[in-house]
Amino acid sequence: MAYWLFKSEPNTYSWEDQVAEGPEGGQWDGVRNHLAKKQMMSMAVGDLGFFYHSVNEKRVVGVVEVVAEAHPDTTDDTGTWFCVDLKAVGPFPEPVTLQQIKAVDGLKDMVLVNNSRLSVQPVTEQEWRLICEMGGYS
């Protein structure tokens, strides 16, 4: 299993919107970045990810699961872009802020800390465990 982080502006698509997709989940569409596309192309069903509210909040708010591997993004008429389908697994009891993440020595190499603009990012197993612990997620 691999771990990921999916960033979204909460006023565009929030954790609550993800939860509302229900147990079937929905497309993580609209991503227009080649590195993010490459990350999604390498995902497998069952991979887990942090749902991260960007912009004003800058915090991990929940956990999602990949329920469908990469497929053409239905919001793209060019056939260039792909997406995965995600379903909500559960909220973080205590959201973990970017400021908190930056304060932990074991997270200083995390992609989120060093390339915060990338909308889909890999997360190492150690980073996953640390952030879950910080947020009280088990």
N, C-alpha and C. Protein backbone atom coordinates (compact mmCIF):
# COMPACT_ATOMS: atom_id res chain seq x y z
N MET A 1 0.84 -1.18 0.00
CA MET A 1 0.00 0.00 0.00
C MET A 1 0.88 1.24 0.00
N ALA A 2 0.42 2.24 -0.74
CA ALA A 2 1.12 3.53 -0.78
C ALA A 2 0.24 4.58 -0.11
N TYR A 3 0.88 5.69 0.26
CA TYR A 3 0.19 6.78 0.93
C TYR A 3 0.36 8.06 0.13
N TRP A 4 -0.65 8.91 0.18
CA TRP A 4 -0.70 10.12 -0.64
C TRP A 4 -1.28 11.27 0.15
N LEU A 5 -1.21 12.46 -0.44
CA LEU A 5 -1.88 13.63 0.09
C LEU A 5 -2.58 14.31 -1.09
N PHE A 6 -3.86 14.60 -0.90
CA PHE A 6 -4.69 15.25 -1.92
C PHE A 6 -5.10 16.62 -1.39
N LYS A 7 -4.73 17.67 -2.12
CA LYS A 7 -5.01 19.03 -1.68
C LYS A 7 -6.20 19.60 -2.44
N SER A 8 -7.04 20.31 -1.70
CA SER A 8 -8.16 20.99 -2.33
C SER A 8 -8.48 22.27 -1.56
N GLU A 9 -8.88 23.28 -2.30
CA GLU A 9 -9.36 24.50 -1.66
C GLU A 9 -10.74 24.20 -1.10
N PRO A 10 -10.94 24.40 0.19
CA PRO A 10 -12.22 24.01 0.79
C PRO A 10 -13.44 24.73 0.22
N ASN A 11 -13.25 25.92 -0.35
CA ASN A 11 -14.39 26.61 -0.95
C ASN A 11 -14.71 26.07 -2.35
N THR A 12 -13.80 25.27 -2.92
CA THR A 12 -14.02 24.64 -4.22
C THR A 12 -14.53 23.21 -4.05
N TYR A 13 -13.85 22.43 -3.24
CA TYR A 13 -14.23 21.04 -2.96
C TYR A 13 -13.68 20.70 -1.58
N SER A 14 -14.57 20.55 -0.62
CA SER A 14 -14.17 20.38 0.77
C SER A 14 -14.27 18.93 1.22
N TRP A 15 -13.79 18.69 2.44
CA TRP A 15 -13.92 17.38 3.07
C TRP A 15 -15.40 16.98 3.10
N GLU A 16 -16.27 17.92 3.42
CA GLU A 16 -17.71 17.64 3.47
C GLU A 16 -18.23 17.21 2.10
N ASP A 17 -17.72 17.83 1.03
CA ASP A 17 -18.10 17.42 -0.34
C ASP A 17 -17.64 15.99 -0.61
N GLN A 18 -16.42 15.66 -0.16
CA GLN A 18 -15.90 14.31 -0.35
C GLN A 18 -16.78 13.30 0.38
N VAL A 19 -17.13 13.59 1.63
CA VAL A 19 -17.99 12.71 2.41
C VAL A 19 -19.34 12.53 1.71
N ALA A 20 -19.87 13.61 1.14
CA ALA A 20 -21.17 13.56 0.47
C ALA A 20 -21.17 12.67 -0.76
N GLU A 21 -19.99 12.35 -1.30
CA GLU A 21 -19.89 11.43 -2.45
C GLU A 21 -20.37 10.03 -2.07
N GLY A 22 -20.38 9.73 -0.76
CA GLY A 22 -20.87 8.44 -0.29
C GLY A 22 -19.86 7.33 -0.42
N PRO A 23 -20.29 6.09 -0.16
CA PRO A 23 -19.36 4.95 -0.15
C PRO A 23 -18.79 4.60 -1.53
N GLU A 24 -19.44 5.06 -2.58
CA GLU A 24 -18.92 4.81 -3.93
C GLU A 24 -17.77 5.75 -4.26
N GLY A 25 -17.73 6.88 -3.58
CA GLY A 25 -16.69 7.87 -3.84
C GLY A 25 -16.96 8.64 -5.12
N GLY A 26 -15.96 9.38 -5.55
CA GLY A 26 -16.07 10.19 -6.76
C GLY A 26 -14.72 10.51 -7.32
N GLN A 27 -14.72 11.07 -8.51
CA GLN A 27 -13.48 11.41 -9.21
C GLN A 27 -12.72 12.53 -8.50
N TRP A 28 -11.40 12.37 -8.44
CA TRP A 28 -10.53 13.46 -8.02
C TRP A 28 -10.09 14.13 -9.32
N ASP A 29 -11.00 14.92 -9.87
CA ASP A 29 -10.80 15.44 -11.22
C ASP A 29 -10.33 16.89 -11.20
N GLY A 30 -10.03 17.37 -12.40
CA GLY A 30 -9.63 18.76 -12.57
C GLY A 30 -8.16 19.04 -12.33
N VAL A 31 -7.37 18.01 -12.06
CA VAL A 31 -5.93 18.20 -11.83
C VAL A 31 -5.24 18.41 -13.17
N ARG A 32 -4.53 19.51 -13.29
CA ARG A 32 -3.85 19.84 -14.55
C ARG A 32 -2.37 20.09 -14.31
N ASN A 33 -1.70 19.09 -13.79
CA ASN A 33 -0.27 19.16 -13.51
C ASN A 33 0.31 17.79 -13.87
N HIS A 34 1.36 17.78 -14.67
CA HIS A 34 1.90 16.50 -15.16
C HIS A 34 2.48 15.64 -14.05
N LEU A 35 3.12 16.23 -13.05
CA LEU A 35 3.66 15.43 -11.95
C LEU A 35 2.53 14.83 -11.13
N ALA A 36 1.48 15.60 -10.87
CA ALA A 36 0.32 15.07 -10.15
C ALA A 36 -0.34 13.95 -10.95
N LYS A 37 -0.42 14.12 -12.26
CA LYS A 37 -0.98 13.07 -13.13
C LYS A 37 -0.14 11.79 -13.00
N LYS A 38 1.17 11.95 -13.03
CA LYS A 38 2.07 10.80 -12.89
C LYS A 38 1.85 10.10 -11.54
N GLN A 39 1.67 10.89 -10.48
CA GLN A 39 1.41 10.30 -9.16
C GLN A 39 0.12 9.48 -9.20
N MET A 40 -0.94 10.04 -9.79
CA MET A 40 -2.22 9.32 -9.84
C MET A 40 -2.12 8.06 -10.70
N MET A 41 -1.32 8.10 -11.75
CA MET A 41 -1.15 6.92 -12.62
C MET A 41 -0.49 5.76 -11.87
N SER A 42 0.22 6.06 -10.79
CA SER A 42 0.90 5.01 -10.04
C SER A 42 0.09 4.50 -8.84
N MET A 43 -1.09 5.05 -8.63
CA MET A 43 -1.92 4.64 -7.47
C MET A 43 -2.64 3.33 -7.73
N ALA A 44 -2.90 2.62 -6.63
CA ALA A 44 -3.63 1.35 -6.70
C ALA A 44 -4.85 1.42 -5.79
N VAL A 45 -5.86 0.66 -6.13
CA VAL A 45 -7.04 0.56 -5.29
C VAL A 45 -6.59 0.12 -3.89
N GLY A 46 -7.10 0.80 -2.88
CA GLY A 46 -6.72 0.50 -1.50
C GLY A 46 -5.67 1.44 -0.93
N ASP A 47 -4.96 2.18 -1.79
CA ASP A 47 -4.02 3.18 -1.28
C ASP A 47 -4.81 4.20 -0.46
N LEU A 48 -4.15 4.76 0.55
CA LEU A 48 -4.79 5.75 1.41
C LEU A 48 -4.16 7.12 1.21
N GLY A 49 -4.94 8.16 1.48
CA GLY A 49 -4.42 9.51 1.34
C GLY A 49 -4.98 10.45 2.38
N PHE A 50 -4.21 11.47 2.67
CA PHE A 50 -4.70 12.55 3.50
C PHE A 50 -5.52 13.49 2.63
N PHE A 51 -6.65 13.96 3.14
CA PHE A 51 -7.42 15.03 2.49
C PHE A 51 -6.99 16.32 3.17
N TYR A 52 -6.42 17.22 2.37
CA TYR A 52 -5.80 18.44 2.89
C TYR A 52 -6.54 19.66 2.38
N HIS A 53 -7.02 20.49 3.29
CA HIS A 53 -7.61 21.78 2.93
C HIS A 53 -6.49 22.79 2.76
N SER A 54 -6.37 23.35 1.57
CA SER A 54 -5.31 24.31 1.28
C SER A 54 -5.80 25.74 1.50
N VAL A 55 -5.07 26.68 0.99
CA VAL A 55 -5.33 28.12 1.02
C VAL A 55 -5.36 28.64 2.46
N ASN A 56 -6.52 29.02 2.98
CA ASN A 56 -6.59 29.64 4.30
C ASN A 56 -6.43 28.66 5.44
N GLU A 57 -6.91 27.43 5.27
CA GLU A 57 -6.87 26.46 6.38
C GLU A 57 -5.51 25.78 6.51
N LYS A 58 -4.98 25.27 5.43
CA LYS A 58 -3.69 24.57 5.40
C LYS A 58 -3.62 23.51 6.49
N ARG A 59 -4.47 22.47 6.35
CA ARG A 59 -4.48 21.42 7.36
C ARG A 59 -5.04 20.12 6.81
N VAL A 60 -4.55 19.01 7.36
CA VAL A 60 -5.06 17.68 7.05
C VAL A 60 -6.35 17.51 7.84
N VAL A 61 -7.44 17.18 7.14
CA VAL A 61 -8.74 17.10 7.80
C VAL A 61 -9.37 15.71 7.75
N GLY A 62 -8.84 14.82 6.91
CA GLY A 62 -9.44 13.49 6.82
C GLY A 62 -8.58 12.52 6.04
N VAL A 63 -9.09 11.29 5.94
CA VAL A 63 -8.42 10.22 5.20
C VAL A 63 -9.35 9.72 4.11
N VAL A 64 -8.78 9.53 2.92
CA VAL A 64 -9.52 8.99 1.78
C VAL A 64 -8.83 7.71 1.30
N GLU A 65 -9.59 6.93 0.55
CA GLU A 65 -9.06 5.69 -0.04
C GLU A 65 -9.28 5.72 -1.54
N VAL A 66 -8.28 5.25 -2.28
CA VAL A 66 -8.41 5.12 -3.73
C VAL A 66 -9.33 3.93 -4.01
N VAL A 67 -10.44 4.19 -4.72
CA VAL A 67 -11.40 3.13 -5.03
C VAL A 67 -11.45 2.80 -6.51
N ALA A 68 -10.78 3.58 -7.35
CA ALA A 68 -10.65 3.27 -8.77
C ALA A 68 -9.31 3.83 -9.25
N GLU A 69 -8.58 3.00 -9.97
CA GLU A 69 -7.27 3.43 -10.49
C GLU A 69 -7.45 4.50 -11.56
N ALA A 70 -6.33 5.07 -11.98
CA ALA A 70 -6.34 6.17 -12.93
C ALA A 70 -7.14 5.84 -14.19
N HIS A 71 -7.95 6.80 -14.58
CA HIS A 71 -8.78 6.70 -15.79
C HIS A 71 -8.94 8.11 -16.35
N PRO A 72 -9.40 8.24 -17.60
CA PRO A 72 -9.54 9.57 -18.17
C PRO A 72 -10.44 10.46 -17.31
N ASP A 73 -10.01 11.68 -17.13
CA ASP A 73 -10.75 12.69 -16.36
C ASP A 73 -11.90 13.19 -17.23
N THR A 74 -13.11 13.00 -16.77
CA THR A 74 -14.29 13.37 -17.57
C THR A 74 -14.45 14.89 -17.70
N THR A 75 -13.67 15.67 -16.97
CA THR A 75 -13.74 17.12 -17.12
C THR A 75 -12.74 17.64 -18.15
N ASP A 76 -12.03 16.72 -18.81
CA ASP A 76 -11.01 17.08 -19.79
C ASP A 76 -11.43 16.61 -21.18
N ASP A 77 -11.62 17.53 -22.09
CA ASP A 77 -12.03 17.19 -23.46
C ASP A 77 -10.85 16.80 -24.35
N THR A 78 -9.61 17.00 -23.86
CA THR A 78 -8.44 16.73 -24.71
C THR A 78 -7.94 15.29 -24.61
N GLY A 79 -8.35 14.57 -23.56
CA GLY A 79 -7.86 13.22 -23.36
C GLY A 79 -6.46 13.17 -22.75
N THR A 80 -5.96 14.31 -22.30
CA THR A 80 -4.62 14.41 -21.73
C THR A 80 -4.57 14.03 -20.26
N TRP A 81 -5.63 14.35 -19.54
CA TRP A 81 -5.59 14.27 -18.08
C TRP A 81 -6.34 13.07 -17.53
N PHE A 82 -5.81 12.54 -16.45
CA PHE A 82 -6.37 11.37 -15.79
C PHE A 82 -6.69 11.71 -14.34
N CYS A 83 -7.49 10.86 -13.72
CA CYS A 83 -7.82 11.03 -12.31
C CYS A 83 -8.05 9.66 -11.69
N VAL A 84 -8.12 9.63 -10.38
CA VAL A 84 -8.51 8.44 -9.64
C VAL A 84 -9.84 8.74 -8.95
N ASP A 85 -10.50 7.71 -8.46
CA ASP A 85 -11.70 7.90 -7.66
C ASP A 85 -11.34 7.68 -6.20
N LEU A 86 -11.87 8.54 -5.34
CA LEU A 86 -11.60 8.49 -3.91
C LEU A 86 -12.90 8.41 -3.13
N LYS A 87 -12.84 7.72 -1.99
CA LYS A 87 -13.96 7.77 -1.05
C LYS A 87 -13.42 8.18 0.31
N ALA A 88 -14.28 8.84 1.07
CA ALA A 88 -13.91 9.26 2.42
C ALA A 88 -13.84 8.04 3.32
N VAL A 89 -12.80 7.95 4.14
CA VAL A 89 -12.66 6.88 5.13
C VAL A 89 -13.05 7.41 6.50
N GLY A 90 -12.50 8.57 6.87
CA GLY A 90 -12.84 9.16 8.16
C GLY A 90 -12.16 10.48 8.39
N PRO A 91 -12.77 11.32 9.24
CA PRO A 91 -12.18 12.62 9.55
C PRO A 91 -11.06 12.49 10.57
N PHE A 92 -10.20 13.48 10.60
CA PHE A 92 -9.19 13.56 11.65
C PHE A 92 -9.86 14.11 12.90
N PRO A 93 -9.71 13.43 14.05
CA PRO A 93 -10.26 13.97 15.29
C PRO A 93 -9.74 15.37 15.59
N GLU A 94 -8.46 15.59 15.32
CA GLU A 94 -7.83 16.90 15.48
C GLU A 94 -7.10 17.21 14.18
N PRO A 95 -7.63 18.11 13.35
CA PRO A 95 -6.91 18.45 12.11
C PRO A 95 -5.47 18.86 12.41
N VAL A 96 -4.57 18.50 11.49
CA VAL A 96 -3.14 18.78 11.67
C VAL A 96 -2.76 19.87 10.66
N THR A 97 -2.27 20.99 11.19
CA THR A 97 -1.95 22.14 10.36
C THR A 97 -0.56 22.00 9.72
N LEU A 98 -0.37 22.76 8.65
CA LEU A 98 0.93 22.82 8.01
C LEU A 98 1.98 23.34 9.00
N GLN A 99 1.59 24.30 9.81
CA GLN A 99 2.51 24.84 10.82
C GLN A 99 2.97 23.74 11.78
N GLN A 100 2.05 22.88 12.22
CA GLN A 100 2.41 21.77 13.10
C GLN A 100 3.33 20.79 12.38
N ILE A 101 3.03 20.50 11.12
CA ILE A 101 3.85 19.57 10.34
C ILE A 101 5.27 20.11 10.20
N LYS A 102 5.40 21.39 9.89
CA LYS A 102 6.73 22.00 9.73
C LYS A 102 7.54 21.99 11.01
N ALA A 103 6.88 21.91 12.16
CA ALA A 103 7.56 21.93 13.45
C ALA A 103 8.12 20.58 13.86
N VAL A 104 7.80 19.51 13.13
CA VAL A 104 8.25 18.16 13.47
C VAL A 104 9.47 17.81 12.64
N ASP A 105 10.58 17.52 13.30
CA ASP A 105 11.83 17.23 12.61
C ASP A 105 11.67 16.06 11.64
N GLY A 106 10.92 15.04 12.02
CA GLY A 106 10.72 13.86 11.17
C GLY A 106 9.90 14.12 9.92
N LEU A 107 9.36 15.33 9.77
CA LEU A 107 8.54 15.67 8.61
C LEU A 107 9.18 16.75 7.74
N LYS A 108 10.42 17.12 8.04
CA LYS A 108 11.07 18.22 7.32
C LYS A 108 11.33 17.93 5.84
N ASP A 109 11.38 16.64 5.47
CA ASP A 109 11.60 16.28 4.07
C ASP A 109 10.31 15.98 3.32
N MET A 110 9.18 16.13 3.99
CA MET A 110 7.89 15.84 3.37
C MET A 110 7.65 16.75 2.17
N VAL A 111 7.07 16.19 1.10
CA VAL A 111 6.80 16.98 -0.10
C VAL A 111 5.95 18.21 0.25
N LEU A 112 4.97 18.06 1.13
CA LEU A 112 4.11 19.17 1.51
C LEU A 112 4.92 20.34 2.06
N VAL A 113 5.97 20.06 2.78
CA VAL A 113 6.81 21.11 3.38
C VAL A 113 7.68 21.79 2.31
N ASN A 114 8.11 21.01 1.33
CA ASN A 114 9.07 21.52 0.35
C ASN A 114 8.47 21.89 -1.00
N ASN A 115 7.26 21.44 -1.29
CA ASN A 115 6.60 21.76 -2.56
C ASN A 115 5.10 21.84 -2.31
N SER A 116 4.71 22.83 -1.56
CA SER A 116 3.33 22.91 -1.09
C SER A 116 2.32 23.18 -2.19
N ARG A 117 2.76 23.51 -3.39
CA ARG A 117 1.82 23.82 -4.46
C ARG A 117 1.31 22.57 -5.20
N LEU A 118 2.02 21.46 -5.10
CA LEU A 118 1.63 20.25 -5.81
C LEU A 118 0.35 19.68 -5.21
N SER A 119 -0.66 19.44 -6.04
CA SER A 119 -2.00 19.06 -5.54
C SER A 119 -2.14 17.59 -5.19
N VAL A 120 -1.28 16.74 -5.71
CA VAL A 120 -1.27 15.32 -5.38
C VAL A 120 0.17 14.96 -5.07
N GLN A 121 0.40 14.44 -3.86
CA GLN A 121 1.77 14.22 -3.40
C GLN A 121 1.93 12.85 -2.75
N PRO A 122 3.10 12.24 -2.90
CA PRO A 122 3.37 11.01 -2.15
C PRO A 122 3.66 11.34 -0.69
N VAL A 123 3.35 10.39 0.18
CA VAL A 123 3.62 10.49 1.61
C VAL A 123 4.31 9.20 2.01
N THR A 124 5.40 9.28 2.74
CA THR A 124 6.08 8.06 3.18
C THR A 124 5.30 7.41 4.32
N GLU A 125 5.60 6.15 4.58
CA GLU A 125 4.94 5.46 5.68
C GLU A 125 5.24 6.13 7.02
N GLN A 126 6.47 6.58 7.22
CA GLN A 126 6.83 7.27 8.47
C GLN A 126 6.04 8.57 8.60
N GLU A 127 5.96 9.35 7.51
CA GLU A 127 5.19 10.59 7.53
C GLU A 127 3.72 10.30 7.83
N TRP A 128 3.19 9.25 7.23
CA TRP A 128 1.80 8.86 7.47
C TRP A 128 1.56 8.58 8.95
N ARG A 129 2.43 7.76 9.53
CA ARG A 129 2.27 7.40 10.95
C ARG A 129 2.35 8.63 11.86
N LEU A 130 3.33 9.49 11.60
CA LEU A 130 3.51 10.67 12.44
C LEU A 130 2.29 11.59 12.39
N ILE A 131 1.80 11.87 11.19
CA ILE A 131 0.66 12.78 11.05
C ILE A 131 -0.62 12.15 11.62
N CYS A 132 -0.82 10.87 11.42
CA CYS A 132 -1.98 10.20 12.02
C CYS A 132 -1.91 10.31 13.55
N GLU A 133 -0.73 10.11 14.11
CA GLU A 133 -0.55 10.23 15.56
C GLU A 133 -0.85 11.65 16.03
N MET A 134 -0.35 12.63 15.28
CA MET A 134 -0.56 14.02 15.66
C MET A 134 -2.05 14.38 15.65
N GLY A 135 -2.81 13.80 14.73
CA GLY A 135 -4.22 14.12 14.60
C GLY A 135 -5.14 13.19 15.36
N GLY A 136 -4.57 12.22 16.09
CA GLY A 136 -5.39 11.29 16.84
C GLY A 136 -6.18 10.33 15.98
N TYR A 137 -5.66 10.07 14.77
CA TYR A 137 -6.34 9.18 13.83
C TYR A 137 -5.72 7.79 13.93
N SER A 138 -6.57 6.79 14.15
CA SER A 138 -6.02 5.42 14.23
C SER A 138 -6.74 4.48 13.28
